[in-house]
Every structure is written in structure tokens, then in C-alpha cells.
Amino acid sequence: MKLFTCTHCGQVLYFENSRCEKCQFPLGFEATRRQLLPLVAEPDGHSFRLAGEPAAGTYAYCANHEHGVCNWLVPSGSPTPFCAACALNRTIPDLSHLGYLGRWRSLEAAKHRLVYSLLCLHLPVVSKSVYPKEGLQFDFKADEGTGDSQRVLTGHDNGLITINIAEADDLAREQARQAMNEVYRTVLGHFRHEVGHYYWDRLIAEAPPLAEFRQLFGDERTDYGAALQRHYAQGAPPDWPQRYISAYASSHPWEDWAETWAHYLHILDTLQTAHAFGLRLDPLDASAPPSWRAAMQNPYQLADFRQIMDMWLPLTFAMNSLNRSMGQPDSYPFLISPVVADKLAFIHRVAGGRAGLASSQ
């Protein structure tokens, strides 16, 4: 993600900030510009204009701002009181339940970061309330009981993504991670994985890239239910690290795509953050190989995926080394094999092409 600064006083900001701690101006995210901007309240008490831009029109906060879960803006006169990210919600948690607001806040923080990345890629982000067949929508639900029949399963179904809000509970998520023998499990990772299924339908199914997809990921017409049963019964093949980004990716071509898609978004967002901070990797050890050196560039402006990988590998080595110095697990505990790199490059051509990026490499 890019680095945000207050255009009124220059204070560095987090994406989630609703007020500048230095100048105390309220802040709102304007999605068409992808900017976090200081606001000046209008006399009516509920609308705002952009500070320093009196002719830019007026805005209101997204209706979910009152719950402290959104800082995005909605233009005055908009047909919906919700921003581009919150308009995707179909079901939110029951806020009368103690603790659910905190979980929803964590879910929205992850979802808004997801939508930001999708906007950077110029991918279609439309709600099912507007486009029932092609749109995207989210259900955030809680288990209603202890029985398996009542358990909410996180997943995707024809553009509807269901997230069990237990994923926003750190303890529950860690228990699930260990039970599933996963090395990495985050709220944002869930969003990126599940939306990958959605964009497979939008970008690959019945589209020209389908043939190349089958060459790289396999034939998705393989029985999905049977493939998952086999995976859970037998596990991943011994050589999965050579061909897949995760063990679960080996279960079926759709899951391989979704897992690889999630990592593609991990890579772009993290590299953009590194670029925003002007990071440059140049180890002091003179014997360090050249491949450990890199100057960060904005990945959303690079067509050749090889340039992205040339930055990502040394950056993850540095990130993991920093984490180990703090006694923490590796920030990126994955190895990207040449086969997986080819899959990521394919996704970059398909998804990045929407942002005007195109490369045969």
C-alpha cells in the first residue's frame, strides 16, 4: 500500500486513520483518487468538503463510519450511503452481541485493504445489489451453535463470499491454523483467497486465458468435491513445494488459482509499501550475492513480472530476518518455485492487464 500523508500538515498517516493526530483535521478516503484527505465540515454538520479544494464538491462519511469501521467518503447525492467497499456487504454481524463489533472492525480493515488493491489493478468492484449476476457481495456471519450443522463455513459461491467472524478472533484463528497444519493464516489472507475465486469467474472462465490456465494450473473440470475429499484424506503430494505455493493449493486447480492469487496480492501490496518508504536493499556484507540487492519500485507500474520477483525475493529475506531478530515467526514463510513464479506471472498478465500492464514475459 502507498504511504499516506496529511495534505494539510504533512503528518504521515495510516490507511485506517479518521483524524490527523497532528492538525486534528478529520480524514476521509476518496476512492477515485485513492487518497486519504483532510476534511472541513460544512454548516449542515454532516457533509464535508476537501480541505484546500472548495470547488471539489462535498462528501459524507460512509454510513458505517458511525460504527468506527470505515473512514471512506461518499459523494453528496450518491444513491447509496455506503462507500465502494461497504456497499459490497450483504450481512454484517449482530452488533448487539458483545465482542462482535470488534471482530467486524477487523474484518472491515482487511476488506478495505483488499478493495484498495483491486482498485489499483482497475479490476471490476461492483456489488450484487447493482449487478446480481456478475457482482460481488460479502456475508459476515457467526456460528449460531456448537453443532457442525450450524457452523458457518468461509467460502465463495458465485460472487457471494461468506466469512466466519471467528476468523477475526486471534485465538480462534490460531487454533484453526494449527488444526489445519497451515504455516500462515490471516484475515486479509482469507479475503484475498476467496476473492480469487470470484475473479477466476470474471477473468478466466469462458475467456481466452482459460487454455493457458489449464496448462499451468490443471483442468478445473476435475470433480471439485472428490478432489477436496482426497486432499483431506491423503494430504498433499510429497513434491508439492516444487509445484504449488501451499499444500492446500495442490487439492484442485481452483484452489491453486485462489492460493496463488492471494499471494499475488500479498506481493503487490507489500512491495508498494516498501516502495512508498523508499526501501533499498544493499547488504553490508561484501560477499552477499547481487540477487540480495534491490531498489523498490511500484509493482503496479511494472509489466514484467520478473522485475517484481527480483524485488520480492530479497525483500522477503530481509523481512524474515527482521522478524527473527524480534523472536517472531517468518513474515513470509513460503518458497516460490519456478513453477509457482510462472503461475504468478500469468496472474499478473491477466489481472495487471486491467491496469494497463501487459508483458509477454
Protein backbone atom coordinates (compact mmCIF):
# COMPACT_ATOMS: atom_id res chain seq x y z
CA MET A 1 0.00 0.00 0.00
CA LYS A 2 1.14 3.56 -0.66
CA LEU A 3 2.23 5.91 2.11
CA PHE A 4 -0.42 8.43 3.07
CA THR A 5 0.36 11.91 4.39
CA CYS A 6 -1.97 14.68 5.52
CA THR A 7 -2.09 17.25 2.71
CA HIS A 8 -2.79 19.95 5.30
CA CYS A 9 0.16 19.46 7.69
CA GLY A 10 2.31 16.69 6.19
CA GLN A 11 1.79 14.19 9.01
CA VAL A 12 2.33 10.55 7.99
CA LEU A 13 -0.94 8.60 8.23
CA TYR A 14 -2.16 5.05 8.43
CA PHE A 15 -4.73 3.97 5.86
CA GLU A 16 -7.27 3.46 8.66
CA ASN A 17 -6.89 6.91 10.27
CA SER A 18 -10.05 9.04 10.57
CA ARG A 19 -8.30 12.04 12.15
CA CYS A 20 -4.86 13.57 11.76
CA GLU A 21 -3.17 13.39 15.16
CA LYS A 22 -1.07 16.48 14.36
CA CYS A 23 -3.51 19.05 12.93
CA GLN A 24 -6.69 17.31 14.17
CA PHE A 25 -8.44 17.60 10.80
CA PRO A 26 -10.91 14.80 10.15
CA LEU A 27 -9.74 12.47 7.38
CA GLY A 28 -11.61 10.57 4.69
CA PHE A 29 -10.51 8.17 1.96
CA GLU A 30 -11.59 9.28 -1.52
CA ALA A 31 -11.70 6.09 -3.57
CA THR A 32 -11.49 7.54 -7.09
CA ARG A 33 -8.23 9.27 -6.19
CA ARG A 34 -7.16 6.57 -3.73
CA GLN A 35 -6.16 9.35 -1.35
CA LEU A 36 -6.69 9.92 2.37
CA LEU A 37 -7.64 13.59 2.58
CA PRO A 38 -8.28 16.20 5.30
CA LEU A 39 -11.84 17.46 5.53
CA VAL A 40 -13.61 20.67 6.51
CA ALA A 41 -17.14 20.35 7.90
CA GLU A 42 -19.95 22.16 6.11
CA PRO A 43 -22.51 24.22 8.07
CA ASP A 44 -25.07 21.40 7.82
CA GLY A 45 -22.93 19.41 10.25
CA HIS A 46 -22.83 16.12 8.33
CA SER A 47 -21.22 16.90 4.98
CA PHE A 48 -17.63 17.89 4.25
CA ARG A 49 -15.52 19.50 1.61
CA LEU A 50 -11.91 18.63 0.93
CA ALA A 51 -9.54 20.96 2.74
CA GLY A 52 -7.98 23.39 0.28
CA GLU A 53 -10.32 22.33 -2.52
CA PRO A 54 -13.57 24.30 -2.07
CA ALA A 55 -14.67 23.61 -5.65
CA ALA A 56 -14.25 19.83 -5.42
CA GLY A 57 -17.80 19.13 -4.26
CA THR A 58 -18.95 17.83 -0.92
CA TYR A 59 -18.86 14.40 0.68
CA ALA A 60 -20.31 12.48 3.59
CA TYR A 61 -18.72 9.67 5.51
CA CYS A 62 -19.85 6.16 4.63
CA ALA A 63 -22.81 5.13 6.78
CA ASN A 64 -20.60 2.59 8.54
CA HIS A 65 -18.39 5.38 9.84
CA GLU A 66 -20.74 5.71 12.81
CA HIS A 67 -19.65 2.22 13.93
CA GLY A 68 -15.97 3.10 13.67
CA VAL A 69 -15.36 0.54 10.92
CA CYS A 70 -14.95 2.78 7.84
CA ASN A 71 -13.29 6.09 7.00
CA TRP A 72 -14.20 6.19 3.31
CA LEU A 73 -16.15 9.00 1.69
CA VAL A 74 -19.36 9.02 -0.34
CA PRO A 75 -20.03 11.94 -2.73
CA SER A 76 -23.02 14.03 -1.81
CA GLY A 77 -26.05 12.94 -3.79
CA SER A 78 -24.85 9.35 -4.07
CA PRO A 79 -27.69 6.84 -4.46
CA THR A 80 -26.23 4.80 -1.61
CA PRO A 81 -24.99 5.92 1.83
CA PHE A 82 -22.24 3.31 1.67
CA CYS A 83 -18.78 3.59 0.16
CA ALA A 84 -17.46 1.33 -2.60
CA ALA A 85 -16.17 -1.17 -0.03
CA CYS A 86 -19.10 -1.23 2.39
CA ALA A 87 -21.65 -1.38 -0.45
CA LEU A 88 -20.38 -4.94 -1.00
CA ASN A 89 -21.80 -6.10 2.36
CA ARG A 90 -24.98 -8.17 2.42
CA THR A 91 -24.79 -9.37 6.03
CA ILE A 92 -22.90 -7.86 8.96
CA PRO A 93 -22.55 -9.34 12.45
CA ASP A 94 -25.25 -8.78 15.08
CA LEU A 95 -23.81 -5.72 16.83
CA SER A 96 -25.93 -6.32 19.92
CA HIS A 97 -23.67 -9.31 20.67
CA LEU A 98 -20.75 -8.41 22.93
CA GLY A 99 -17.48 -8.59 21.02
CA TYR A 100 -18.92 -8.75 17.51
CA LEU A 101 -18.23 -5.07 16.78
CA GLY A 102 -14.52 -5.63 17.38
CA ARG A 103 -14.50 -8.62 15.06
CA TRP A 104 -16.39 -6.70 12.39
CA ARG A 105 -13.88 -3.86 12.70
CA SER A 106 -11.05 -6.32 11.97
CA LEU A 107 -12.93 -7.76 9.01
CA GLU A 108 -13.62 -4.33 7.54
CA ALA A 109 -9.99 -3.26 7.95
CA ALA A 110 -8.93 -6.28 5.89
CA LYS A 111 -11.72 -5.89 3.34
CA HIS A 112 -10.96 -2.21 2.76
CA ARG A 113 -7.29 -3.05 2.14
CA LEU A 114 -8.43 -5.72 -0.30
CA VAL A 115 -10.67 -3.29 -2.19
CA TYR A 116 -7.83 -0.76 -2.33
CA SER A 117 -5.63 -3.33 -4.11
CA LEU A 118 -8.43 -4.25 -6.51
CA LEU A 119 -8.90 -0.57 -7.38
CA CYS A 120 -5.17 -0.22 -8.02
CA LEU A 121 -5.45 -3.09 -10.51
CA HIS A 122 -8.52 -1.50 -12.11
CA LEU A 123 -10.44 -4.70 -11.56
CA PRO A 124 -14.26 -4.52 -11.54
CA VAL A 125 -15.55 -3.96 -8.00
CA VAL A 126 -19.34 -3.95 -8.19
CA SER A 127 -21.99 -5.09 -5.75
CA LYS A 128 -24.55 -7.79 -6.38
CA SER A 129 -27.16 -5.25 -5.31
CA VAL A 130 -26.41 -3.46 -8.59
CA TYR A 131 -25.33 -6.40 -10.78
CA PRO A 132 -26.96 -9.54 -9.31
CA LYS A 133 -25.22 -11.98 -11.66
CA GLU A 134 -21.74 -10.52 -12.02
CA GLY A 135 -21.40 -8.61 -8.74
CA LEU A 136 -19.51 -9.30 -5.52
CA GLN A 137 -21.00 -9.48 -2.03
CA PHE A 138 -19.98 -10.43 1.49
CA ASP A 139 -21.74 -12.20 4.34
CA PHE A 140 -20.07 -11.83 7.74
CA LYS A 141 -21.67 -14.44 9.96
CA ALA A 142 -21.18 -16.10 13.33
CA ASP A 143 -21.75 -19.69 14.35
CA GLU A 144 -25.20 -19.91 15.95
CA GLY A 145 -24.46 -23.03 17.97
CA THR A 146 -21.86 -25.63 18.67
CA GLY A 147 -23.15 -28.28 16.27
CA ASP A 148 -21.39 -28.84 12.96
CA SER A 149 -24.69 -28.36 11.11
CA GLN A 150 -24.81 -24.76 12.35
CA ARG A 151 -21.18 -23.92 11.68
CA VAL A 152 -20.58 -21.08 9.23
CA LEU A 153 -18.09 -22.08 6.56
CA THR A 154 -15.86 -19.47 4.98
CA GLY A 155 -16.06 -19.75 1.22
CA HIS A 156 -17.17 -18.40 -2.16
CA ASP A 157 -20.32 -19.16 -4.13
CA ASN A 158 -20.97 -17.32 -7.40
CA GLY A 159 -19.75 -13.95 -6.17
CA LEU A 160 -21.01 -14.29 -2.60
CA ILE A 161 -18.15 -14.58 -0.12
CA THR A 162 -19.01 -15.81 3.37
CA ILE A 163 -16.57 -15.14 6.20
CA ASN A 164 -16.99 -16.71 9.61
CA ILE A 165 -16.33 -13.83 12.00
CA ALA A 166 -14.40 -16.22 14.25
CA GLU A 167 -11.54 -15.63 11.80
CA ALA A 168 -11.25 -12.15 13.34
CA ASP A 169 -10.59 -13.69 16.76
CA ASP A 170 -6.84 -14.18 17.15
CA LEU A 171 -7.13 -17.23 19.40
CA ALA A 172 -9.74 -18.99 17.27
CA ARG A 173 -7.78 -18.28 14.10
CA GLU A 174 -4.56 -19.63 15.60
CA GLN A 175 -6.35 -22.78 16.74
CA ALA A 176 -7.72 -23.24 13.24
CA ARG A 177 -4.28 -22.64 11.73
CA GLN A 178 -2.75 -25.36 13.87
CA ALA A 179 -5.62 -27.75 13.28
CA MET A 180 -5.27 -27.28 9.51
CA ASN A 181 -1.46 -27.54 9.71
CA GLU A 182 -1.06 -24.17 7.99
CA VAL A 183 2.04 -22.00 8.23
CA TYR A 184 0.10 -18.80 7.62
CA ARG A 185 -3.49 -17.75 8.31
CA THR A 186 -4.68 -14.13 8.42
CA VAL A 187 -7.95 -12.27 7.98
CA LEU A 188 -6.58 -10.41 4.97
CA GLY A 189 -5.31 -13.67 3.52
CA HIS A 190 -8.83 -15.11 3.66
CA PHE A 191 -10.24 -12.14 1.78
CA ARG A 192 -7.58 -12.34 -0.88
CA HIS A 193 -8.04 -16.09 -1.33
CA GLU A 194 -11.83 -16.00 -1.57
CA VAL A 195 -11.92 -13.04 -3.92
CA GLY A 196 -9.53 -15.01 -6.11
CA HIS A 197 -12.34 -17.49 -6.75
CA TYR A 198 -14.58 -14.59 -7.75
CA TYR A 199 -12.08 -13.20 -10.23
CA TRP A 200 -11.47 -16.63 -11.71
CA ASP A 201 -15.12 -16.47 -12.79
CA ARG A 202 -14.70 -12.92 -14.09
CA LEU A 203 -11.31 -13.21 -15.82
CA ILE A 204 -10.70 -16.86 -16.72
CA ALA A 205 -13.91 -18.88 -17.08
CA GLU A 206 -15.09 -18.90 -20.71
CA ALA A 207 -12.37 -16.36 -21.59
CA PRO A 208 -9.28 -16.58 -23.83
CA PRO A 209 -6.85 -17.15 -20.90
CA LEU A 210 -8.63 -20.42 -19.99
CA ALA A 211 -6.40 -22.61 -22.17
CA GLU A 212 -3.20 -21.23 -20.65
CA PHE A 213 -4.75 -21.53 -17.18
CA ARG A 214 -5.25 -25.27 -17.74
CA GLN A 215 -1.66 -25.66 -18.89
CA LEU A 216 -0.35 -24.00 -15.72
CA PHE A 217 -2.88 -24.95 -13.02
CA GLY A 218 -4.56 -28.07 -14.42
CA ASP A 219 -8.06 -28.87 -15.64
CA GLU A 220 -10.65 -27.28 -13.35
CA ARG A 221 -13.30 -29.68 -14.70
CA THR A 222 -11.87 -32.31 -12.34
CA ASP A 223 -14.51 -33.16 -9.71
CA TYR A 224 -14.04 -30.50 -7.04
CA GLY A 225 -15.74 -32.28 -4.15
CA ALA A 226 -13.88 -35.51 -4.77
CA ALA A 227 -10.59 -33.63 -5.05
CA LEU A 228 -11.07 -31.97 -1.67
CA GLN A 229 -12.05 -35.26 -0.02
CA ARG A 230 -8.93 -36.87 -1.41
CA HIS A 231 -6.79 -33.97 -0.19
CA TYR A 232 -8.15 -34.11 3.36
CA ALA A 233 -7.84 -37.92 3.45
CA GLN A 234 -4.40 -38.28 1.84
CA GLY A 235 -2.78 -34.86 2.17
CA ALA A 236 -0.66 -33.10 -0.41
CA PRO A 237 1.76 -34.99 -2.67
CA PRO A 238 5.35 -35.13 -1.32
CA ASP A 239 6.66 -32.88 -4.10
CA TRP A 240 4.04 -30.14 -3.66
CA PRO A 241 6.59 -27.39 -2.79
CA GLN A 242 8.05 -27.73 -6.28
CA ARG A 243 4.70 -27.03 -7.97
CA TYR A 244 2.43 -25.17 -5.55
CA ILE A 245 2.56 -22.16 -3.25
CA SER A 246 0.92 -24.14 -0.43
CA ALA A 247 -0.13 -27.69 0.34
CA TYR A 248 -3.80 -26.73 0.01
CA ALA A 249 -3.15 -25.36 -3.48
CA SER A 250 -2.44 -28.94 -4.60
CA SER A 251 -6.02 -30.02 -3.88
CA HIS A 252 -7.64 -28.68 -7.07
CA PRO A 253 -6.84 -26.18 -9.86
CA TRP A 254 -9.42 -23.73 -8.47
CA GLU A 255 -7.71 -23.76 -5.09
CA ASP A 256 -4.30 -23.49 -6.72
CA TRP A 257 -5.50 -20.37 -8.52
CA ALA A 258 -7.05 -18.85 -5.37
CA GLU A 259 -3.98 -19.53 -3.24
CA THR A 260 -1.65 -18.16 -5.91
CA TRP A 261 -3.93 -15.15 -6.46
CA ALA A 262 -3.80 -14.37 -2.74
CA HIS A 263 -0.01 -14.42 -2.82
CA TYR A 264 -0.01 -12.20 -5.89
CA LEU A 265 -1.92 -9.58 -3.89
CA HIS A 266 0.39 -10.15 -0.89
CA ILE A 267 3.34 -9.42 -3.13
CA LEU A 268 1.94 -6.31 -4.82
CA ASP A 269 0.69 -4.66 -1.65
CA THR A 270 3.87 -5.33 0.33
CA LEU A 271 6.14 -4.16 -2.48
CA GLN A 272 4.10 -0.99 -2.91
CA THR A 273 4.53 -0.31 0.81
CA ALA A 274 8.28 -0.91 0.56
CA HIS A 275 8.45 1.44 -2.43
CA ALA A 276 6.43 4.09 -0.57
CA PHE A 277 9.04 4.06 2.21
CA GLY A 278 11.90 4.28 -0.27
CA LEU A 279 13.39 0.98 0.79
CA ARG A 280 16.59 -0.18 -0.85
CA LEU A 281 18.23 -3.49 -0.03
CA ASP A 282 22.00 -3.47 -0.15
CA PRO A 283 23.52 -5.81 2.48
CA LEU A 284 26.72 -4.56 4.11
CA ASP A 285 28.34 -7.97 3.74
CA ALA A 286 30.50 -7.64 0.64
CA SER A 287 30.06 -11.34 -0.09
CA ALA A 288 26.28 -11.02 -0.39
CA PRO A 289 25.18 -12.12 -3.88
CA PRO A 290 23.73 -9.49 -6.26
CA SER A 291 20.32 -11.18 -6.02
CA TRP A 292 20.05 -9.85 -2.45
CA ARG A 293 20.17 -6.25 -3.66
CA ALA A 294 17.13 -4.38 -4.91
CA ALA A 295 15.69 -0.88 -5.14
CA MET A 296 11.95 -0.98 -4.61
CA GLN A 297 9.66 0.16 -7.42
CA ASN A 298 5.89 0.44 -7.51
CA PRO A 299 4.77 -3.03 -8.69
CA TYR A 300 1.51 -1.64 -10.04
CA GLN A 301 3.58 0.15 -12.67
CA LEU A 302 5.65 -2.83 -13.79
CA ALA A 303 4.62 -5.00 -16.71
CA ASP A 304 7.42 -7.56 -16.50
CA PHE A 305 6.78 -9.86 -13.55
CA ARG A 306 10.44 -10.80 -13.43
CA GLN A 307 11.17 -7.31 -12.12
CA ILE A 308 8.64 -7.88 -9.36
CA MET A 309 10.23 -11.17 -8.35
CA ASP A 310 13.69 -9.58 -8.42
CA MET A 311 12.45 -7.24 -5.68
CA TRP A 312 10.29 -9.71 -3.77
CA LEU A 313 12.86 -12.38 -3.02
CA PRO A 314 15.42 -10.09 -1.33
CA LEU A 315 12.65 -8.15 0.42
CA THR A 316 11.19 -11.29 1.99
CA PHE A 317 14.66 -12.38 3.10
CA ALA A 318 15.06 -9.03 4.84
CA MET A 319 11.54 -9.16 6.32
CA ASN A 320 12.07 -12.65 7.67
CA SER A 321 15.48 -11.70 9.09
CA LEU A 322 13.94 -8.72 10.91
CA ASN A 323 11.20 -10.91 12.34
CA ARG A 324 13.71 -13.48 13.55
CA SER A 325 15.64 -10.69 15.26
CA MET A 326 12.43 -9.91 17.20
CA GLY A 327 11.85 -13.57 18.06
CA GLN A 328 8.85 -13.72 15.71
CA PRO A 329 7.96 -16.28 13.02
CA ASP A 330 8.91 -15.51 9.45
CA SER A 331 6.75 -12.79 7.96
CA TYR A 332 6.62 -14.67 4.64
CA PRO A 333 7.19 -18.38 5.35
CA PHE A 334 6.93 -19.54 1.74
CA LEU A 335 9.27 -20.53 -1.07
CA ILE A 336 8.36 -19.56 -4.62
CA SER A 337 9.47 -22.25 -7.03
CA PRO A 338 9.96 -21.54 -10.76
CA VAL A 339 6.64 -23.27 -11.49
CA VAL A 340 4.81 -21.04 -9.00
CA ALA A 341 6.59 -17.97 -10.39
CA ASP A 342 5.17 -18.85 -13.83
CA LYS A 343 1.69 -19.03 -12.31
CA LEU A 344 2.14 -15.66 -10.63
CA ALA A 345 3.36 -14.16 -13.90
CA PHE A 346 0.23 -15.47 -15.63
CA ILE A 347 -1.97 -13.81 -13.00
CA HIS A 348 -0.02 -10.59 -13.46
CA ARG A 349 -0.68 -10.65 -17.20
CA VAL A 350 -4.38 -11.33 -16.70
CA ALA A 351 -5.06 -9.05 -13.73
CA GLY A 352 -2.35 -6.48 -14.35
CA GLY A 353 -3.57 -6.05 -17.89
CA ARG A 354 -6.63 -4.32 -16.46
CA ALA A 355 -4.31 -1.64 -15.09
CA GLY A 356 -2.66 -1.14 -18.48
CA LEU A 357 0.16 -3.58 -17.79
CA ALA A 358 0.99 -6.16 -20.41
CA SER A 359 4.03 -8.33 -20.86
CA SER A 360 4.82 -11.49 -22.73
CA GLN A 361 7.44 -12.37 -20.10
